[in-house]
Amino acid sequence: MQEKYTFKKETVKESDINYINFLESFVQSITHYFGQNSNQNDSFTENQMTHSLFLIEKIHFYLFSRYKLYKQIVSFPEEFHPFHHTKTDTLFQLLKGLDRLMHKYPFLDEENQIQCQNNLSQILNYYSHNTNSIKIKITSPLPKPWKPREQSNILNKEVKV
């Protein structure tokens, strides 16, 4: 006998909020741990940070991929995007704080430093709506690149003889 399963968007949204709550707690504990051990400069702390950021990035990847999949299968509104609701603002600020703390930390192993920076950069890219990016919108047509500006304007004017 085949059972029917219903897809509830509210369940997915609740699941996303639970993941965000977990990530928020996890990032707080990592920040606290990293801050407490920042003056010890040991490879164990660096390895813990590298592995933790790797796991956080994979959870972000899972949430983002799941959203994309659900969007293809079911009409899934933008409001259900896992990183586009107010609950993620706190997490984003915690991650930015961890980023600042990590840039001040004198890493012993350069490979750990690169891994941490790459993972944290990738994590922050999931929150592209929160960044203070500048968007440039050009409303006037651009001149043809093979003609100097003066010539392209002259050609558009009529000459009276």
Foldseek 3Di string as FASTA:
>chain_A
DDDDDDDDLVVLLVVLLVVLVVLLVLLVVLLVVCVVCLVVQDVVNLVVLLVSLVVSLVVLVVLQVVQVVCVVVDVDDPVSRSQPDPSCVSVLVSLVVVVVSLVPRDHPDVVSSVSNVVSSVSNNVSNVVPDPDDDDDDDDDDADPVDDPVVSVVVVDDDDD
